[in-house]
Amino acid sequence: MSQYLVLIYENEASYAALDQAELGAVAEAHRTFMADNKDAVLAGEALQPTPTATSIRKGVVTDGAFAETKEALGGYYLIEAPDLDAALAIGKQVPARFGGVEVRPILAWNEG
C-alpha cells in the first residue's frame, strides 16, 4: 500500500460567509467522508485561515501565507491506497464545495 496526501484547496472568503448551520453541514460532510473511507484515511485536519499563517523563506520569518491566491490550503487527509487510481477515487469524494483537492504520493525514502 502507498500513502497519499490529499490537499484541500478552497476559497476562504466563501467559508467566512457561511452561517453556523452551513458550517455544520460542511463538518458533517467531512465526518461522512471519513466514515465512508475509514480503512484508507490515516489522518486529517482542518487548518486555521491564512491570516494566522507565518511563512519562513531563507530564514526570514513573515506574517501571512507564502503565496496570495484565490484558493488556500485549508486542510488535508493522509490516506493509504493500493495505487494512484484508488487514491484518486478517494480524493474525488472529499467535500470541497468552494474549491478542489490535490492528490500527491508520499515520497518513500529508501532506508539502507
PDB file of N, CA and C in Angstrom:
ATOM      1  N   MET A   1       0.846  -1.195   0.000  1.00  0.00           N
ATOM      2  CA  MET A   1       0.000   0.000   0.000  1.00  0.00           C
ATOM      3  C   MET A   1       0.882   1.245   0.000  1.00  0.00           C
ATOM      4  N   SER A   2       0.443   2.240  -0.714  1.00  0.00           N
ATOM      5  CA  SER A   2       1.142   3.524  -0.769  1.00  0.00           C
ATOM      6  C   SER A   2       0.344   4.564   0.009  1.00  0.00           C
ATOM      7  N   GLN A   3       1.041   5.611   0.417  1.00  0.00           N
ATOM      8  CA  GLN A   3       0.376   6.707   1.109  1.00  0.00           C
ATOM      9  C   GLN A   3       0.306   7.922   0.190  1.00  0.00           C
ATOM     10  N   TYR A   4      -0.783   8.658   0.329  1.00  0.00           N
ATOM     11  CA  TYR A   4      -1.032   9.856  -0.469  1.00  0.00           C
ATOM     12  C   TYR A   4      -1.526  10.961   0.447  1.00  0.00           C
ATOM     13  N   LEU A   5      -1.138  12.187   0.146  1.00  0.00           N
ATOM     14  CA  LEU A   5      -1.672  13.335   0.857  1.00  0.00           C
ATOM     15  C   LEU A   5      -2.706  13.997  -0.040  1.00  0.00           C
ATOM     16  N   VAL A   6      -3.911  14.141   0.459  1.00  0.00           N
ATOM     17  CA  VAL A   6      -4.979  14.813  -0.260  1.00  0.00           C
ATOM     18  C   VAL A   6      -5.069  16.226   0.317  1.00  0.00           C
ATOM     19  N   LEU A   7      -4.624  17.195  -0.467  1.00  0.00           N
ATOM     20  CA  LEU A   7      -4.604  18.597  -0.033  1.00  0.00           C
ATOM     21  C   LEU A   7      -5.887  19.274  -0.482  1.00  0.00           C
ATOM     22  N   ILE A   8      -6.545  19.939   0.441  1.00  0.00           N
ATOM     23  CA  ILE A   8      -7.839  20.570   0.164  1.00  0.00           C
ATOM     24  C   ILE A   8      -7.622  22.071  -0.008  1.00  0.00           C
ATOM     25  N   TYR A   9      -7.868  22.575  -1.217  1.00  0.00           N
ATOM     26  CA  TYR A   9      -7.736  23.998  -1.521  1.00  0.00           C
ATOM     27  C   TYR A   9      -9.120  24.576  -1.773  1.00  0.00           C
ATOM     28  N   GLU A  10      -9.457  25.611  -1.001  1.00  0.00           N
ATOM     29  CA  GLU A  10     -10.770  26.237  -1.180  1.00  0.00           C
ATOM     30  C   GLU A  10     -10.678  27.742  -0.978  1.00  0.00           C
ATOM     31  N   ASN A  11     -11.751  28.424  -1.365  1.00  0.00           N
ATOM     32  CA  ASN A  11     -11.860  29.861  -1.212  1.00  0.00           C
ATOM     33  C   ASN A  11     -12.271  30.176   0.226  1.00  0.00           C
ATOM     34  N   GLU A  12     -11.361  30.786   0.977  1.00  0.00           N
ATOM     35  CA  GLU A  12     -11.644  31.093   2.384  1.00  0.00           C
ATOM     36  C   GLU A  12     -12.781  32.092   2.559  1.00  0.00           C
ATOM     37  N   ALA A  13     -12.922  33.028   1.642  1.00  0.00           N
ATOM     38  CA  ALA A  13     -13.986  34.030   1.747  1.00  0.00           C
ATOM     39  C   ALA A  13     -15.357  33.376   1.701  1.00  0.00           C
ATOM     40  N   SER A  14     -15.486  32.316   0.932  1.00  0.00           N
ATOM     41  CA  SER A  14     -16.769  31.612   0.858  1.00  0.00           C
ATOM     42  C   SER A  14     -17.123  30.999   2.208  1.00  0.00           C
ATOM     43  N   TYR A  15     -16.138  30.470   2.909  1.00  0.00           N
ATOM     44  CA  TYR A  15     -16.405  29.911   4.236  1.00  0.00           C
ATOM     45  C   TYR A  15     -16.765  30.987   5.240  1.00  0.00           C
ATOM     46  N   ALA A  16     -16.125  32.137   5.127  1.00  0.00           N
ATOM     47  CA  ALA A  16     -16.392  33.233   6.064  1.00  0.00           C
ATOM     48  C   ALA A  16     -17.842  33.702   5.963  1.00  0.00           C
ATOM     49  N   ALA A  17     -18.465  33.501   4.814  1.00  0.00           N
ATOM     50  CA  ALA A  17     -19.843  33.955   4.594  1.00  0.00           C
ATOM     51  C   ALA A  17     -20.891  32.940   5.074  1.00  0.00           C
ATOM     52  N   LEU A  18     -20.468  31.752   5.483  1.00  0.00           N
ATOM     53  CA  LEU A  18     -21.427  30.717   5.893  1.00  0.00           C
ATOM     54  C   LEU A  18     -21.971  30.968   7.294  1.00  0.00           C
ATOM     55  N   ASP A  19     -23.235  30.606   7.503  1.00  0.00           N
ATOM     56  CA  ASP A  19     -23.791  30.664   8.858  1.00  0.00           C
ATOM     57  C   ASP A  19     -23.474  29.350   9.577  1.00  0.00           C
ATOM     58  N   GLN A  20     -23.831  29.269  10.846  1.00  0.00           N
ATOM     59  CA  GLN A  20     -23.493  28.104  11.666  1.00  0.00           C
ATOM     60  C   GLN A  20     -24.097  26.814  11.119  1.00  0.00           C
ATOM     61  N   ALA A  21     -25.313  26.878  10.592  1.00  0.00           N
ATOM     62  CA  ALA A  21     -25.955  25.681  10.044  1.00  0.00           C
ATOM     63  C   ALA A  21     -25.180  25.162   8.836  1.00  0.00           C
ATOM     64  N   GLU A  22     -24.745  26.097   7.974  1.00  0.00           N
ATOM     65  CA  GLU A  22     -23.988  25.690   6.794  1.00  0.00           C
ATOM     66  C   GLU A  22     -22.612  25.143   7.184  1.00  0.00           C
ATOM     67  N   LEU A  23     -21.977  25.757   8.172  1.00  0.00           N
ATOM     68  CA  LEU A  23     -20.694  25.237   8.662  1.00  0.00           C
ATOM     69  C   LEU A  23     -20.866  23.846   9.253  1.00  0.00           C
ATOM     70  N   GLY A  24     -21.977  23.637   9.933  1.00  0.00           N
ATOM     71  CA  GLY A  24     -22.275  22.317  10.474  1.00  0.00           C
ATOM     72  C   GLY A  24     -22.452  21.286   9.372  1.00  0.00           C
ATOM     73  N   ALA A  25     -23.066  21.688   8.277  1.00  0.00           N
ATOM     74  CA  ALA A  25     -23.251  20.775   7.143  1.00  0.00           C
ATOM     75  C   ALA A  25     -21.909  20.413   6.514  1.00  0.00           C
ATOM     76  N   VAL A  26     -20.994  21.377   6.441  1.00  0.00           N
ATOM     77  CA  VAL A  26     -19.648  21.108   5.917  1.00  0.00           C
ATOM     78  C   VAL A  26     -18.934  20.109   6.831  1.00  0.00           C
ATOM     79  N   ALA A  27     -19.001  20.343   8.130  1.00  0.00           N
ATOM     80  CA  ALA A  27     -18.359  19.436   9.084  1.00  0.00           C
ATOM     81  C   ALA A  27     -18.953  18.033   8.983  1.00  0.00           C
ATOM     82  N   GLU A  28     -20.255  17.956   8.832  1.00  0.00           N
ATOM     83  CA  GLU A  28     -20.912  16.648   8.698  1.00  0.00           C
ATOM     84  C   GLU A  28     -20.478  15.943   7.418  1.00  0.00           C
ATOM     85  N   ALA A  29     -20.297  16.689   6.335  1.00  0.00           N
ATOM     86  CA  ALA A  29     -19.834  16.094   5.082  1.00  0.00           C
ATOM     87  C   ALA A  29     -18.446  15.486   5.253  1.00  0.00           C
ATOM     88  N   HIS A  30     -17.596  16.145   6.019  1.00  0.00           N
ATOM     89  CA  HIS A  30     -16.255  15.604   6.270  1.00  0.00           C
ATOM     90  C   HIS A  30     -16.316  14.378   7.188  1.00  0.00           C
ATOM     91  N   ARG A  31     -17.177  14.406   8.180  1.00  0.00           N
ATOM     92  CA  ARG A  31     -17.345  13.219   9.041  1.00  0.00           C
ATOM     93  C   ARG A  31     -17.833  12.029   8.220  1.00  0.00           C
ATOM     94  N   THR A  32     -18.751  12.282   7.309  1.00  0.00           N
ATOM     95  CA  THR A  32     -19.266  11.213   6.443  1.00  0.00           C
ATOM     96  C   THR A  32     -18.155  10.682   5.543  1.00  0.00           C
ATOM     97  N   PHE A  33     -17.373  11.592   4.958  1.00  0.00           N
ATOM     98  CA  PHE A  33     -16.251  11.166   4.125  1.00  0.00           C
ATOM     99  C   PHE A  33     -15.310  10.256   4.917  1.00  0.00           C
ATOM    100  N   MET A  34     -14.963  10.666   6.133  1.00  0.00           N
ATOM    101  CA  MET A  34     -14.033   9.868   6.943  1.00  0.00           C
ATOM    102  C   MET A  34     -14.641   8.517   7.299  1.00  0.00           C
ATOM    103  N   ALA A  35     -15.913   8.475   7.608  1.00  0.00           N
ATOM    104  CA  ALA A  35     -16.570   7.204   7.937  1.00  0.00           C
ATOM    105  C   ALA A  35     -16.625   6.295   6.714  1.00  0.00           C
ATOM    106  N   ASP A  36     -16.937   6.869   5.560  1.00  0.00           N
ATOM    107  CA  ASP A  36     -17.033   6.080   4.330  1.00  0.00           C
ATOM    108  C   ASP A  36     -15.673   5.532   3.892  1.00  0.00           C
ATOM    109  N   ASN A  37     -14.598   6.176   4.342  1.00  0.00           N
ATOM    110  CA  ASN A  37     -13.246   5.796   3.926  1.00  0.00           C
ATOM    111  C   ASN A  37     -12.352   5.460   5.118  1.00  0.00           C
ATOM    112  N   LYS A  38     -12.958   4.934   6.169  1.00  0.00           N
ATOM    113  CA  LYS A  38     -12.227   4.703   7.424  1.00  0.00           C
ATOM    114  C   LYS A  38     -11.034   3.767   7.260  1.00  0.00           C
ATOM    115  N   ASP A  39     -11.064   2.858   6.317  1.00  0.00           N
ATOM    116  CA  ASP A  39      -9.944   1.945   6.110  1.00  0.00           C
ATOM    117  C   ASP A  39      -8.775   2.611   5.376  1.00  0.00           C
ATOM    118  N   ALA A  40      -9.035   3.731   4.710  1.00  0.00           N
ATOM    119  CA  ALA A  40      -7.992   4.411   3.937  1.00  0.00           C
ATOM    120  C   ALA A  40      -7.465   5.665   4.619  1.00  0.00           C
ATOM    121  N   VAL A  41      -8.315   6.362   5.388  1.00  0.00           N
ATOM    122  CA  VAL A  41      -7.901   7.630   5.993  1.00  0.00           C
ATOM    123  C   VAL A  41      -7.062   7.347   7.238  1.00  0.00           C
ATOM    124  N   LEU A  42      -5.797   7.777   7.187  1.00  0.00           N
ATOM    125  CA  LEU A  42      -4.895   7.601   8.316  1.00  0.00           C
ATOM    126  C   LEU A  42      -4.901   8.810   9.238  1.00  0.00           C
ATOM    127  N   ALA A  43      -5.124   9.999   8.672  1.00  0.00           N
ATOM    128  CA  ALA A  43      -5.144  11.242   9.447  1.00  0.00           C
ATOM    129  C   ALA A  43      -5.805  12.319   8.611  1.00  0.00           C
ATOM    130  N   GLY A  44      -6.207  13.381   9.258  1.00  0.00           N
ATOM    131  CA  GLY A  44      -6.775  14.522   8.556  1.00  0.00           C
ATOM    132  C   GLY A  44      -7.038  15.646   9.535  1.00  0.00           C
ATOM    133  N   GLU A  45      -6.827  16.848   9.081  1.00  0.00           N
ATOM    134  CA  GLU A  45      -7.057  18.022   9.921  1.00  0.00           C
ATOM    135  C   GLU A  45      -7.453  19.206   9.054  1.00  0.00           C
ATOM    136  N   ALA A  46      -8.220  20.108   9.634  1.00  0.00           N
ATOM    137  CA  ALA A  46      -8.506  21.400   9.016  1.00  0.00           C
ATOM    138  C   ALA A  46      -7.457  22.381   9.520  1.00  0.00           C
ATOM    139  N   LEU A  47      -7.157  23.372   8.712  1.00  0.00           N
ATOM    140  CA  LEU A  47      -6.183  24.387   9.098  1.00  0.00           C
ATOM    141  C   LEU A  47      -6.878  25.705   9.414  1.00  0.00           C
ATOM    142  N   GLN A  48      -6.271  26.489  10.281  1.00  0.00           N
ATOM    143  CA  GLN A  48      -6.763  27.833  10.555  1.00  0.00           C
ATOM    144  C   GLN A  48      -6.617  28.660   9.276  1.00  0.00           C
ATOM    145  N   PRO A  49      -7.389  29.753   9.116  1.00  0.00           N
ATOM    146  CA  PRO A  49      -7.306  30.580   7.900  1.00  0.00           C
ATOM    147  C   PRO A  49      -5.902  31.162   7.681  1.00  0.00           C
ATOM    148  N   THR A  50      -5.602  31.522   6.438  1.00  0.00           N
ATOM    149  CA  THR A  50      -4.267  32.001   6.076  1.00  0.00           C
ATOM    150  C   THR A  50      -3.777  33.218   6.866  1.00  0.00           C
ATOM    151  N   PRO A  51      -4.648  34.123   7.362  1.00  0.00           N
ATOM    152  CA  PRO A  51      -4.098  35.227   8.157  1.00  0.00           C
ATOM    153  C   PRO A  51      -3.378  34.768   9.427  1.00  0.00           C
ATOM    154  N   THR A  52      -3.604  33.531   9.852  1.00  0.00           N
ATOM    155  CA  THR A  52      -2.916  33.022  11.046  1.00  0.00           C
ATOM    156  C   THR A  52      -1.573  32.387  10.700  1.00  0.00           C
ATOM    157  N   ALA A  53      -1.265  32.275   9.408  1.00  0.00           N
ATOM    158  CA  ALA A  53      -0.037  31.612   8.973  1.00  0.00           C
ATOM    159  C   ALA A  53       1.183  32.497   9.179  1.00  0.00           C
ATOM    160  N   THR A  54       2.310  31.855   9.355  1.00  0.00           N
ATOM    161  CA  THR A  54       3.609  32.505   9.380  1.00  0.00           C
ATOM    162  C   THR A  54       4.493  31.755   8.399  1.00  0.00           C
ATOM    163  N   SER A  55       5.136  32.471   7.519  1.00  0.00           N
ATOM    164  CA  SER A  55       5.980  31.840   6.499  1.00  0.00           C
ATOM    165  C   SER A  55       7.449  32.060   6.821  1.00  0.00           C
ATOM    166  N   ILE A  56       8.263  31.095   6.455  1.00  0.00           N
ATOM    167  CA  ILE A  56       9.718  31.198   6.611  1.00  0.00           C
ATOM    168  C   ILE A  56      10.332  30.908   5.248  1.00  0.00           C
ATOM    169  N   ARG A  57      11.121  31.843   4.768  1.00  0.00           N
ATOM    170  CA  ARG A  57      11.788  31.654   3.486  1.00  0.00           C
ATOM    171  C   ARG A  57      13.223  32.135   3.613  1.00  0.00           C
ATOM    172  N   LYS A  58      14.138  31.216   3.388  1.00  0.00           N
ATOM    173  CA  LYS A  58      15.573  31.505   3.526  1.00  0.00           C
ATOM    174  C   LYS A  58      15.869  32.100   4.888  1.00  0.00           C
ATOM    175  N   GLY A  59      15.212  31.585   5.911  1.00  0.00           N
ATOM    176  CA  GLY A  59      15.465  32.018   7.272  1.00  0.00           C
ATOM    177  C   GLY A  59      14.743  33.282   7.706  1.00  0.00           C
ATOM    178  N   VAL A  60      14.016  33.933   6.796  1.00  0.00           N
ATOM    179  CA  VAL A  60      13.291  35.159   7.113  1.00  0.00           C
ATOM    180  C   VAL A  60      11.843  34.802   7.423  1.00  0.00           C
ATOM    181  N   VAL A  61      11.363  35.264   8.581  1.00  0.00           N
ATOM    182  CA  VAL A  61      10.005  34.967   9.036  1.00  0.00           C
ATOM    183  C   VAL A  61       9.102  36.146   8.700  1.00  0.00           C
ATOM    184  N   THR A  62       7.956  35.855   8.053  1.00  0.00           N
ATOM    185  CA  THR A  62       6.990  36.905   7.729  1.00  0.00           C
ATOM    186  C   THR A  62       5.593  36.441   8.128  1.00  0.00           C
ATOM    187  N   ASP A  63       4.729  37.386   8.425  1.00  0.00           N
ATOM    188  CA  ASP A  63       3.341  37.064   8.732  1.00  0.00           C
ATOM    189  C   ASP A  63       2.606  36.706   7.460  1.00  0.00           C
ATOM    190  N   GLY A  64       1.623  35.831   7.613  1.00  0.00           N
ATOM    191  CA  GLY A  64       0.747  35.513   6.490  1.00  0.00           C
ATOM    192  C   GLY A  64       1.213  34.320   5.691  1.00  0.00           C
ATOM    193  N   ALA A  65       0.359  33.932   4.781  1.00  0.00           N
ATOM    194  CA  ALA A  65       0.647  32.791   3.920  1.00  0.00           C
ATOM    195  C   ALA A  65       1.731  33.160   2.915  1.00  0.00           C
ATOM    196  N   PHE A  66       2.393  32.148   2.380  1.00  0.00           N
ATOM    197  CA  PHE A  66       3.508  32.371   1.454  1.00  0.00           C
ATOM    198  C   PHE A  66       3.054  32.999   0.146  1.00  0.00           C
ATOM    199  N   ALA A  67       1.987  32.499  -0.440  1.00  0.00           N
ATOM    200  CA  ALA A  67       1.530  32.990  -1.744  1.00  0.00           C
ATOM    201  C   ALA A  67       0.105  33.509  -1.650  1.00  0.00           C
ATOM    202  N   GLU A  68      -0.159  34.554  -2.419  1.00  0.00           N
ATOM    203  CA  GLU A  68      -1.526  35.056  -2.488  1.00  0.00           C
ATOM    204  C   GLU A  68      -2.244  34.325  -3.607  1.00  0.00           C
ATOM    205  N   THR A  69      -3.410  33.796  -3.308  1.00  0.00           N
ATOM    206  CA  THR A  69      -4.162  33.025  -4.280  1.00  0.00           C
ATOM    207  C   THR A  69      -5.638  33.073  -3.902  1.00  0.00           C
ATOM    208  N   LYS A  70      -6.514  32.781  -4.836  1.00  0.00           N
ATOM    209  CA  LYS A  70      -7.945  32.765  -4.534  1.00  0.00           C
ATOM    210  C   LYS A  70      -8.304  31.574  -3.661  1.00  0.00           C
ATOM    211  N   GLU A  71      -7.610  30.463  -3.862  1.00  0.00           N
ATOM    212  CA  GLU A  71      -7.866  29.269  -3.058  1.00  0.00           C
ATOM    213  C   GLU A  71      -6.646  29.001  -2.191  1.00  0.00           C
ATOM    214  N   ALA A  72      -6.883  28.669  -0.929  1.00  0.00           N
ATOM    215  CA  ALA A  72      -5.799  28.432   0.015  1.00  0.00           C
ATOM    216  C   ALA A  72      -5.898  27.021   0.570  1.00  0.00           C
ATOM    217  N   LEU A  73      -4.766  26.500   1.001  1.00  0.00           N
ATOM    218  CA  LEU A  73      -4.742  25.190   1.636  1.00  0.00           C
ATOM    219  C   LEU A  73      -5.521  25.285   2.937  1.00  0.00           C
ATOM    220  N   GLY A  74      -6.599  24.532   3.023  1.00  0.00           N
ATOM    221  CA  GLY A  74      -7.463  24.607   4.194  1.00  0.00           C
ATOM    222  C   GLY A  74      -7.454  23.362   5.043  1.00  0.00           C
ATOM    223  N   GLY A  75      -6.872  22.284   4.538  1.00  0.00           N
ATOM    224  CA  GLY A  75      -6.815  21.057   5.306  1.00  0.00           C
ATOM    225  C   GLY A  75      -6.255  19.936   4.462  1.00  0.00           C
ATOM    226  N   TYR A  76      -6.196  18.763   5.076  1.00  0.00           N
ATOM    227  CA  TYR A  76      -5.621  17.624   4.365  1.00  0.00           C
ATOM    228  C   TYR A  76      -6.143  16.317   4.936  1.00  0.00           C
ATOM    229  N   TYR A  77      -5.979  15.278   4.168  1.00  0.00           N
ATOM    230  CA  TYR A  77      -6.171  13.898   4.616  1.00  0.00           C
ATOM    231  C   TYR A  77      -4.946  13.110   4.188  1.00  0.00           C
ATOM    232  N   LEU A  78      -4.417  12.313   5.075  1.00  0.00           N
ATOM    233  CA  LEU A  78      -3.380  11.350   4.741  1.00  0.00           C
ATOM    234  C   LEU A  78      -4.096  10.033   4.541  1.00  0.00           C
ATOM    235  N   ILE A  79      -3.974   9.480   3.335  1.00  0.00           N
ATOM    236  CA  ILE A  79      -4.696   8.242   3.033  1.00  0.00           C
ATOM    237  C   ILE A  79      -3.717   7.157   2.599  1.00  0.00           C
ATOM    238  N   GLU A  80      -4.202   5.943   2.647  1.00  0.00           N
ATOM    239  CA  GLU A  80      -3.444   4.801   2.169  1.00  0.00           C
ATOM    240  C   GLU A  80      -4.287   4.119   1.100  1.00  0.00           C
ATOM    241  N   ALA A  81      -3.655   3.815  -0.037  1.00  0.00           N
ATOM    242  CA  ALA A  81      -4.370   3.204  -1.149  1.00  0.00           C
ATOM    243  C   ALA A  81      -3.403   2.313  -1.924  1.00  0.00           C
ATOM    244  N   PRO A  82      -3.933   1.307  -2.602  1.00  0.00           N
ATOM    245  CA  PRO A  82      -3.053   0.396  -3.329  1.00  0.00           C
ATOM    246  C   PRO A  82      -2.350   1.040  -4.525  1.00  0.00           C
ATOM    247  N   ASP A  83      -2.946   2.081  -5.111  1.00  0.00           N
ATOM    248  CA  ASP A  83      -2.334   2.742  -6.261  1.00  0.00           C
ATOM    249  C   ASP A  83      -2.968   4.123  -6.454  1.00  0.00           C
ATOM    250  N   LEU A  84      -2.439   4.869  -7.409  1.00  0.00           N
ATOM    251  CA  LEU A  84      -2.925   6.227  -7.645  1.00  0.00           C
ATOM    252  C   LEU A  84      -4.393   6.248  -8.046  1.00  0.00           C
ATOM    253  N   ASP A  85      -4.829   5.307  -8.864  1.00  0.00           N
ATOM    254  CA  ASP A  85      -6.235   5.288  -9.270  1.00  0.00           C
ATOM    255  C   ASP A  85      -7.160   5.162  -8.063  1.00  0.00           C
ATOM    256  N   ALA A  86      -6.800   4.306  -7.122  1.00  0.00           N
ATOM    257  CA  ALA A  86      -7.609   4.153  -5.905  1.00  0.00           C
ATOM    258  C   ALA A  86      -7.550   5.423  -5.063  1.00  0.00           C
ATOM    259  N   ALA A  87      -6.381   6.057  -4.994  1.00  0.00           N
ATOM    260  CA  ALA A  87      -6.250   7.308  -4.236  1.00  0.00           C
ATOM    261  C   ALA A  87      -7.098   8.411  -4.870  1.00  0.00           C
ATOM    262  N   LEU A  88      -7.116   8.461  -6.192  1.00  0.00           N
ATOM    263  CA  LEU A  88      -7.938   9.465  -6.877  1.00  0.00           C
ATOM    264  C   LEU A  88      -9.427   9.219  -6.643  1.00  0.00           C
ATOM    265  N   ALA A  89      -9.824   7.958  -6.596  1.00  0.00           N
ATOM    266  CA  ALA A  89     -11.231   7.637  -6.320  1.00  0.00           C
ATOM    267  C   ALA A  89     -11.629   8.140  -4.936  1.00  0.00           C
ATOM    268  N   ILE A  90     -10.723   8.018  -3.981  1.00  0.00           N
ATOM    269  CA  ILE A  90     -10.988   8.538  -2.632  1.00  0.00           C
ATOM    270  C   ILE A  90     -10.977  10.058  -2.663  1.00  0.00           C
ATOM    271  N   GLY A  91      -9.994  10.643  -3.341  1.00  0.00           N
ATOM    272  CA  GLY A  91      -9.888  12.097  -3.420  1.00  0.00           C
ATOM    273  C   GLY A  91     -11.116  12.754  -4.021  1.00  0.00           C
ATOM    274  N   LYS A  92     -11.747  12.080  -4.977  1.00  0.00           N
ATOM    275  CA  LYS A  92     -12.960  12.624  -5.605  1.00  0.00           C
ATOM    276  C   LYS A  92     -14.116  12.736  -4.622  1.00  0.00           C
ATOM    277  N   GLN A  93     -14.047  11.999  -3.520  1.00  0.00           N
ATOM    278  CA  GLN A  93     -15.122  12.013  -2.529  1.00  0.00           C
ATOM    279  C   GLN A  93     -14.958  13.116  -1.480  1.00  0.00           C
ATOM    280  N   VAL A  94     -13.787  13.755  -1.425  1.00  0.00           N
ATOM    281  CA  VAL A  94     -13.534  14.776  -0.406  1.00  0.00           C
ATOM    282  C   VAL A  94     -14.462  15.959  -0.637  1.00  0.00           C
ATOM    283  N   PRO A  95     -15.217  16.357   0.401  1.00  0.00           N
ATOM    284  CA  PRO A  95     -16.104  17.512   0.236  1.00  0.00           C
ATOM    285  C   PRO A  95     -15.283  18.806   0.175  1.00  0.00           C
ATOM    286  N   ALA A  96     -15.256  19.419  -0.980  1.00  0.00           N
ATOM    287  CA  ALA A  96     -14.546  20.684  -1.185  1.00  0.00           C
ATOM    288  C   ALA A  96     -15.454  21.598  -1.984  1.00  0.00           C
ATOM    289  N   ARG A  97     -16.487  22.086  -1.326  1.00  0.00           N
ATOM    290  CA  ARG A  97     -17.548  22.811  -2.029  1.00  0.00           C
ATOM    291  C   ARG A  97     -17.096  24.126  -2.640  1.00  0.00           C
ATOM    292  N   PHE A  98     -16.015  24.716  -2.141  1.00  0.00           N
ATOM    293  CA  PHE A  98     -15.560  26.007  -2.662  1.00  0.00           C
ATOM    294  C   PHE A  98     -14.191  25.906  -3.332  1.00  0.00           C
ATOM    295  N   GLY A  99     -13.848  24.735  -3.833  1.00  0.00           N
ATOM    296  CA  GLY A  99     -12.546  24.583  -4.476  1.00  0.00           C
ATOM    297  C   GLY A  99     -12.334  23.167  -4.951  1.00  0.00           C
ATOM    298  N   GLY A 100     -11.174  22.623  -4.669  1.00  0.00           N
ATOM    299  CA  GLY A 100     -10.861  21.281  -5.114  1.00  0.00           C
ATOM    300  C   GLY A 100      -9.766  20.664  -4.260  1.00  0.00           C
ATOM    301  N   VAL A 101      -9.320  19.499  -4.688  1.00  0.00           N
ATOM    302  CA  VAL A 101      -8.282  18.796  -3.943  1.00  0.00           C
ATOM    303  C   VAL A 101      -7.133  18.434  -4.879  1.00  0.00           C
ATOM    304  N   GLU A 102      -5.996  18.205  -4.278  1.00  0.00           N
ATOM    305  CA  GLU A 102      -4.806  17.743  -4.974  1.00  0.00           C
ATOM    306  C   GLU A 102      -4.377  16.453  -4.291  1.00  0.00           C
ATOM    307  N   VAL A 103      -4.115  15.413  -5.059  1.00  0.00           N
ATOM    308  CA  VAL A 103      -3.677  14.128  -4.515  1.00  0.00           C
ATOM    309  C   VAL A 103      -2.210  13.953  -4.884  1.00  0.00           C
ATOM    310  N   ARG A 104      -1.361  13.799  -3.851  1.00  0.00           N
ATOM    311  CA  ARG A 104       0.076  13.662  -4.111  1.00  0.00           C
ATOM    312  C   ARG A 104       0.625  12.458  -3.380  1.00  0.00           C
ATOM    313  N   PRO A 105       1.410  11.636  -4.080  1.00  0.00           N
ATOM    314  CA  PRO A 105       2.025  10.485  -3.415  1.00  0.00           C
ATOM    315  C   PRO A 105       3.055  10.944  -2.389  1.00  0.00           C
ATOM    316  N   ILE A 106       3.123  10.229  -1.283  1.00  0.00           N
ATOM    317  CA  ILE A 106       4.145  10.476  -0.275  1.00  0.00           C
ATOM    318  C   ILE A 106       5.438   9.837  -0.788  1.00  0.00           C
ATOM    319  N   LEU A 107       6.517  10.564  -0.730  1.00  0.00           N
ATOM    320  CA  LEU A 107       7.816  10.059  -1.163  1.00  0.00           C
ATOM    321  C   LEU A 107       8.333   9.077  -0.113  1.00  0.00           C
ATOM    322  N   ALA A 108       8.544   7.852  -0.513  1.00  0.00           N
ATOM    323  CA  ALA A 108       9.056   6.825   0.393  1.00  0.00           C
ATOM    324  C   ALA A 108      10.580   6.808   0.283  1.00  0.00           C
ATOM    325  N   TRP A 109      11.258   7.309   1.312  1.00  0.00           N
ATOM    326  CA  TRP A 109      12.711   7.313   1.333  1.00  0.00           C
ATOM    327  C   TRP A 109      13.203   5.909   1.592  1.00  0.00           C
ATOM    328  N   ASN A 110      14.101   5.446   0.777  1.00  0.00           N
ATOM    329  CA  ASN A 110      14.659   4.117   0.980  1.00  0.00           C
ATOM    330  C   ASN A 110      15.642   4.160   2.142  1.00  0.00           C
ATOM    331  N   GLU A 111      15.435   3.246   3.067  1.00  0.00           N
ATOM    332  CA  GLU A 111      16.337   3.154   4.219  1.00  0.00           C
ATOM    333  C   GLU A 111      17.349   2.057   3.954  1.00  0.00           C
ATOM    334  N   GLY A 112      18.622   2.423   4.007  1.00  0.00           N
ATOM    335  CA  GLY A 112      19.686   1.435   3.847  1.00  0.00           C
ATOM    336  C   GLY A 112      20.106   1.399   2.471  1.00  0.00           C
TER     337      GLY A 112
END
